[in-house]
Amino acid sequence: MPPRLRKLVGTILIIILVLVYALVATTVAAATLGQSPWYVHLLYFTVTGLLWILPAMLIIKWMEKPGKPRDE
C-alpha cells in the first residue's frame, strides 16, 4: 500500500476510533456513575481518557511504515 493511501486510511481510522470511543465511554459513565463521588468520576475519565491512546499508537505506527520500493 502506498504511504499516502496508508496515511489517509490511518487518519480515517483514528477519527472513527476517537468518535466511537468517546461515545461509548461517555455512555458507560452516564449509565453507571450517576451517584458516584467526584473522585470516582475523575479516576474513570482519567483512565478512559488515556486508554484510547494505545490503539491510536498502533495505527500511527502502521501509518509510518515505509512503502515498498517500486521497480523501475
Protein backbone atom coordinates (compact mmCIF):
# COMPACT_ATOMS: atom_id res chain seq x y z
CA MET A 1 0.00 0.00 0.00
CA PRO A 2 1.45 3.39 -0.92
CA PRO A 3 2.39 5.59 2.05
CA ARG A 4 -0.09 8.35 1.11
CA LEU A 5 -3.00 5.91 0.99
CA ARG A 6 -1.87 4.29 4.25
CA LYS A 7 -1.84 7.71 5.95
CA LEU A 8 -5.30 8.55 4.62
CA VAL A 9 -6.74 5.23 5.84
CA GLY A 10 -4.98 5.62 9.19
CA THR A 11 -6.33 9.13 9.68
CA ILE A 12 -9.87 7.96 8.96
CA LEU A 13 -9.43 5.02 11.37
CA ILE A 14 -8.19 7.32 14.15
CA ILE A 15 -11.13 9.69 13.66
CA ILE A 16 -13.59 6.78 13.82
CA LEU A 17 -11.79 5.35 16.86
CA VAL A 18 -11.94 8.63 18.77
CA LEU A 19 -15.60 9.29 17.97
CA VAL A 20 -16.82 5.79 18.79
CA TYR A 21 -14.64 5.50 21.88
CA ALA A 22 -15.78 8.87 23.24
CA LEU A 23 -19.44 7.98 22.73
CA VAL A 24 -19.06 4.57 24.38
CA ALA A 25 -17.01 5.88 27.32
CA THR A 26 -19.47 8.71 27.98
CA THR A 27 -22.49 6.41 27.68
CA VAL A 28 -20.98 3.94 30.14
CA ALA A 29 -20.16 6.76 32.53
CA ALA A 30 -23.67 8.20 32.34
CA ALA A 31 -25.24 4.78 32.89
CA THR A 32 -23.04 3.62 35.77
CA LEU A 33 -21.51 6.62 37.55
CA GLY A 34 -24.62 8.68 38.25
CA GLN A 35 -24.45 8.59 42.06
CA SER A 36 -20.69 8.12 42.41
CA PRO A 37 -18.49 10.68 44.19
CA TRP A 38 -16.36 13.14 42.24
CA TYR A 39 -13.12 11.20 42.69
CA VAL A 40 -14.62 8.11 41.01
CA HIS A 41 -15.57 10.30 38.03
CA LEU A 42 -12.07 11.75 37.99
CA LEU A 43 -10.47 8.31 38.03
CA TYR A 44 -12.83 6.92 35.37
CA PHE A 45 -12.34 9.78 32.93
CA THR A 46 -8.58 9.83 33.52
CA VAL A 47 -8.27 6.13 32.73
CA THR A 48 -10.66 6.18 29.77
CA GLY A 49 -9.12 9.40 28.51
CA LEU A 50 -5.72 7.74 28.31
CA LEU A 51 -6.86 4.30 27.17
CA TRP A 52 -7.68 5.28 23.57
CA ILE A 53 -4.03 6.21 23.04
CA LEU A 54 -2.94 2.56 22.82
CA PRO A 55 -4.88 1.63 19.66
CA ALA A 56 -4.16 5.05 18.16
CA MET A 57 -0.46 4.45 18.74
CA LEU A 58 -0.65 1.16 16.84
CA ILE A 59 -2.46 2.84 13.94
CA ILE A 60 0.14 5.62 13.80
CA LYS A 61 2.96 3.06 13.88
CA TRP A 62 1.30 1.25 10.96
CA MET A 63 0.87 4.54 9.09
CA GLU A 64 4.57 5.38 9.38
CA LYS A 65 5.89 2.13 7.89
CA PRO A 66 7.91 2.82 4.77
CA GLY A 67 6.40 1.88 1.45
CA LYS A 68 7.76 -0.86 -0.76
CA PRO A 69 10.27 0.38 -3.35
CA ARG A 70 8.90 0.49 -6.86
CA ASP A 71 10.62 -1.47 -9.58
CA GLU A 72 11.51 0.85 -12.44
